Amino acid sequence: MPRFHFDIQENGRLIADDEGREFAGGEEVRKEAVATGASIARDAFMAGSACRIVVDVREENAPFLKVSITLDVEEPAKA
C-alpha cells in the first residue's frame, strides 16, 4: 500500500510528517486530510493561535492533494 504524509502548516509554520501512514485509496486519503485539517483548525482558531491551516498531502515525495482552511472574521464597524 502507498504511504502518504500529511504536512501541516499553521500560519506558515511547517510541521512535517516524516512517518506517514498507509492508505488503500485516494478517497480515504482525502477524507483523512479534511478531517485532520478541520480538527487542527478548530483548535487553532478557538485558541487564536492561527487563522490559516493547510494540510499538504504527499505520496512519498510527490504532491497528492492540499486542504486549506482559513478563518476570516468580519465585524461591523461600531457607530
N, C-alpha and C. Protein backbone atom coordinates (compact mmCIF):
# COMPACT_ATOMS: atom_id res chain seq x y z
N MET A 1 0.84 -1.19 0.00
CA MET A 1 0.00 0.00 0.00
C MET A 1 0.88 1.25 0.00
N PRO A 2 0.41 2.29 -0.69
CA PRO A 2 1.19 3.53 -0.73
C PRO A 2 1.16 4.25 0.62
N ARG A 3 2.25 4.95 0.91
CA ARG A 3 2.39 5.71 2.16
C ARG A 3 2.19 7.20 1.85
N PHE A 4 1.33 7.82 2.66
CA PHE A 4 1.01 9.24 2.48
C PHE A 4 1.46 10.02 3.71
N HIS A 5 1.98 11.21 3.46
CA HIS A 5 2.46 12.09 4.52
C HIS A 5 1.57 13.33 4.57
N PHE A 6 1.19 13.73 5.79
CA PHE A 6 0.30 14.87 6.00
C PHE A 6 1.10 15.98 6.67
N ASP A 7 1.68 16.86 5.87
CA ASP A 7 2.44 18.00 6.39
C ASP A 7 1.46 19.12 6.72
N ILE A 8 1.61 19.71 7.89
CA ILE A 8 0.69 20.74 8.38
C ILE A 8 1.41 22.09 8.38
N GLN A 9 0.68 23.12 7.93
CA GLN A 9 1.17 24.49 8.04
C GLN A 9 0.16 25.30 8.85
N GLU A 10 0.64 25.92 9.91
CA GLU A 10 -0.19 26.83 10.71
C GLU A 10 0.39 28.22 10.55
N ASN A 11 -0.34 29.11 9.87
CA ASN A 11 0.15 30.47 9.62
C ASN A 11 1.56 30.46 9.03
N GLY A 12 1.86 29.50 8.17
CA GLY A 12 3.16 29.44 7.52
C GLY A 12 4.20 28.60 8.23
N ARG A 13 3.95 28.20 9.48
CA ARG A 13 4.88 27.35 10.22
C ARG A 13 4.65 25.89 9.82
N LEU A 14 5.70 25.22 9.37
CA LEU A 14 5.59 23.85 8.86
C LEU A 14 5.82 22.83 9.96
N ILE A 15 4.91 21.84 10.00
CA ILE A 15 5.06 20.68 10.87
C ILE A 15 5.08 19.48 9.92
N ALA A 16 6.28 18.97 9.66
CA ALA A 16 6.45 17.90 8.67
C ALA A 16 6.06 16.54 9.25
N ASP A 17 5.42 15.74 8.42
CA ASP A 17 5.06 14.37 8.78
C ASP A 17 6.10 13.45 8.17
N ASP A 18 7.11 13.10 8.94
CA ASP A 18 8.19 12.26 8.44
C ASP A 18 7.81 10.78 8.39
N GLU A 19 6.85 10.37 9.21
CA GLU A 19 6.47 8.96 9.30
C GLU A 19 5.45 8.54 8.24
N GLY A 20 4.37 9.29 8.11
CA GLY A 20 3.32 8.97 7.15
C GLY A 20 2.47 7.79 7.57
N ARG A 21 1.45 7.52 6.76
CA ARG A 21 0.53 6.40 7.01
C ARG A 21 0.18 5.75 5.69
N GLU A 22 -0.13 4.48 5.74
CA GLU A 22 -0.53 3.74 4.54
C GLU A 22 -2.05 3.81 4.37
N PHE A 23 -2.47 4.03 3.14
CA PHE A 23 -3.89 4.06 2.78
C PHE A 23 -4.08 3.25 1.52
N ALA A 24 -5.24 2.61 1.40
CA ALA A 24 -5.53 1.79 0.23
C ALA A 24 -5.91 2.63 -0.99
N GLY A 25 -6.60 3.76 -0.74
CA GLY A 25 -7.06 4.53 -1.89
C GLY A 25 -7.12 6.02 -1.63
N GLY A 26 -7.29 6.77 -2.71
CA GLY A 26 -7.28 8.22 -2.66
C GLY A 26 -8.44 8.82 -1.90
N GLU A 27 -9.62 8.19 -1.94
CA GLU A 27 -10.78 8.72 -1.23
C GLU A 27 -10.55 8.68 0.28
N GLU A 28 -9.92 7.63 0.77
CA GLU A 28 -9.59 7.54 2.20
C GLU A 28 -8.60 8.64 2.59
N VAL A 29 -7.64 8.90 1.73
CA VAL A 29 -6.65 9.94 1.99
C VAL A 29 -7.32 11.30 2.03
N ARG A 30 -8.23 11.55 1.10
CA ARG A 30 -8.95 12.82 1.05
C ARG A 30 -9.75 13.04 2.33
N LYS A 31 -10.49 12.04 2.75
CA LYS A 31 -11.30 12.15 3.97
C LYS A 31 -10.42 12.41 5.19
N GLU A 32 -9.30 11.73 5.28
CA GLU A 32 -8.39 11.91 6.41
C GLU A 32 -7.79 13.31 6.40
N ALA A 33 -7.44 13.82 5.22
CA ALA A 33 -6.87 15.16 5.11
C ALA A 33 -7.88 16.23 5.55
N VAL A 34 -9.13 16.08 5.13
CA VAL A 34 -10.16 17.04 5.52
C VAL A 34 -10.42 16.96 7.02
N ALA A 35 -10.53 15.75 7.56
CA ALA A 35 -10.77 15.58 9.00
C ALA A 35 -9.61 16.13 9.82
N THR A 36 -8.39 15.87 9.38
CA THR A 36 -7.21 16.38 10.08
C THR A 36 -7.19 17.90 10.07
N GLY A 37 -7.41 18.49 8.90
CA GLY A 37 -7.42 19.95 8.79
C GLY A 37 -8.51 20.58 9.64
N ALA A 38 -9.71 20.00 9.61
CA ALA A 38 -10.82 20.54 10.39
C ALA A 38 -10.55 20.48 11.88
N SER A 39 -9.98 19.38 12.34
CA SER A 39 -9.69 19.21 13.76
C SER A 39 -8.63 20.21 14.23
N ILE A 40 -7.56 20.33 13.46
CA ILE A 40 -6.50 21.27 13.82
C ILE A 40 -7.00 22.71 13.74
N ALA A 41 -7.77 23.01 12.68
CA ALA A 41 -8.29 24.36 12.50
C ALA A 41 -9.20 24.75 13.66
N ARG A 42 -10.06 23.85 14.06
CA ARG A 42 -10.98 24.17 15.17
C ARG A 42 -10.20 24.55 16.41
N ASP A 43 -9.23 23.74 16.78
CA ASP A 43 -8.44 24.02 17.98
C ASP A 43 -7.64 25.32 17.84
N ALA A 44 -6.99 25.50 16.70
CA ALA A 44 -6.14 26.69 16.49
C ALA A 44 -6.99 27.96 16.41
N PHE A 45 -8.13 27.88 15.74
CA PHE A 45 -8.99 29.06 15.59
C PHE A 45 -9.58 29.46 16.94
N MET A 46 -10.02 28.49 17.72
CA MET A 46 -10.60 28.80 19.03
C MET A 46 -9.55 29.37 19.98
N ALA A 47 -8.32 28.87 19.89
CA ALA A 47 -7.25 29.36 20.75
C ALA A 47 -6.69 30.70 20.26
N GLY A 48 -6.99 31.05 19.02
CA GLY A 48 -6.47 32.28 18.44
C GLY A 48 -5.01 32.17 18.01
N SER A 49 -4.52 30.95 17.89
CA SER A 49 -3.11 30.75 17.55
C SER A 49 -2.84 30.74 16.05
N ALA A 50 -3.89 30.64 15.24
CA ALA A 50 -3.71 30.60 13.78
C ALA A 50 -5.00 31.06 13.11
N CYS A 51 -4.87 31.56 11.89
CA CYS A 51 -6.05 31.91 11.10
C CYS A 51 -6.05 31.17 9.75
N ARG A 52 -5.00 30.37 9.52
CA ARG A 52 -4.92 29.59 8.28
C ARG A 52 -4.22 28.28 8.56
N ILE A 53 -4.87 27.19 8.16
CA ILE A 53 -4.32 25.85 8.30
C ILE A 53 -4.28 25.21 6.92
N VAL A 54 -3.15 24.62 6.58
CA VAL A 54 -3.00 23.90 5.31
C VAL A 54 -2.49 22.50 5.61
N VAL A 55 -3.15 21.52 5.01
CA VAL A 55 -2.69 20.14 5.08
C VAL A 55 -2.19 19.78 3.68
N ASP A 56 -0.88 19.64 3.54
CA ASP A 56 -0.27 19.24 2.28
C ASP A 56 -0.04 17.74 2.35
N VAL A 57 -0.72 17.01 1.49
CA VAL A 57 -0.57 15.56 1.47
C VAL A 57 0.34 15.18 0.32
N ARG A 58 1.31 14.34 0.64
CA ARG A 58 2.20 13.85 -0.42
C ARG A 58 2.26 12.33 -0.35
N GLU A 59 2.37 11.73 -1.51
CA GLU A 59 2.57 10.29 -1.62
C GLU A 59 4.06 10.09 -1.83
N GLU A 60 4.71 9.61 -0.77
CA GLU A 60 6.17 9.58 -0.70
C GLU A 60 6.65 11.02 -0.88
N ASN A 61 7.28 11.38 -2.00
CA ASN A 61 7.76 12.76 -2.18
C ASN A 61 6.99 13.53 -3.24
N ALA A 62 5.94 12.95 -3.78
CA ALA A 62 5.16 13.61 -4.83
C ALA A 62 3.90 14.24 -4.24
N PRO A 63 3.57 15.49 -4.60
CA PRO A 63 2.34 16.12 -4.11
C PRO A 63 1.12 15.29 -4.50
N PHE A 64 0.17 15.17 -3.58
CA PHE A 64 -1.05 14.39 -3.84
C PHE A 64 -2.29 15.27 -3.78
N LEU A 65 -2.46 16.02 -2.68
CA LEU A 65 -3.55 16.99 -2.58
C LEU A 65 -3.26 17.97 -1.46
N LYS A 66 -4.03 19.07 -1.45
CA LYS A 66 -3.85 20.11 -0.45
C LYS A 66 -5.22 20.53 0.06
N VAL A 67 -5.36 20.62 1.38
CA VAL A 67 -6.57 21.13 2.02
C VAL A 67 -6.19 22.41 2.74
N SER A 68 -6.89 23.49 2.42
CA SER A 68 -6.61 24.79 3.02
C SER A 68 -7.86 25.30 3.73
N ILE A 69 -7.72 25.68 5.00
CA ILE A 69 -8.84 26.18 5.78
C ILE A 69 -8.43 27.54 6.37
N THR A 70 -9.24 28.56 6.08
CA THR A 70 -8.92 29.92 6.52
C THR A 70 -10.07 30.48 7.34
N LEU A 71 -9.71 31.15 8.41
CA LEU A 71 -10.69 31.84 9.25
C LEU A 71 -10.65 33.31 8.90
N ASP A 72 -11.82 33.84 8.55
CA ASP A 72 -11.92 35.26 8.22
C ASP A 72 -13.12 35.82 8.99
N VAL A 73 -12.88 36.60 10.01
CA VAL A 73 -13.94 37.16 10.84
C VAL A 73 -14.11 38.62 10.48
N GLU A 74 -15.33 39.00 10.13
CA GLU A 74 -15.64 40.39 9.82
C GLU A 74 -16.67 40.89 10.82
N GLU A 75 -16.36 41.99 11.48
CA GLU A 75 -17.28 42.59 12.43
C GLU A 75 -17.70 43.95 11.88
N PRO A 76 -18.98 44.28 12.02
CA PRO A 76 -19.40 45.59 11.52
C PRO A 76 -18.78 46.72 12.35
N ALA A 77 -18.56 47.83 11.70
CA ALA A 77 -18.00 49.00 12.39
C ALA A 77 -18.98 49.48 13.43
N LYS A 78 -18.46 49.85 14.58
CA LYS A 78 -19.30 50.37 15.67
C LYS A 78 -19.60 51.85 15.40
N ALA A 79 -20.82 52.21 15.62
CA ALA A 79 -21.22 53.61 15.40
C ALA A 79 -20.90 54.49 16.58
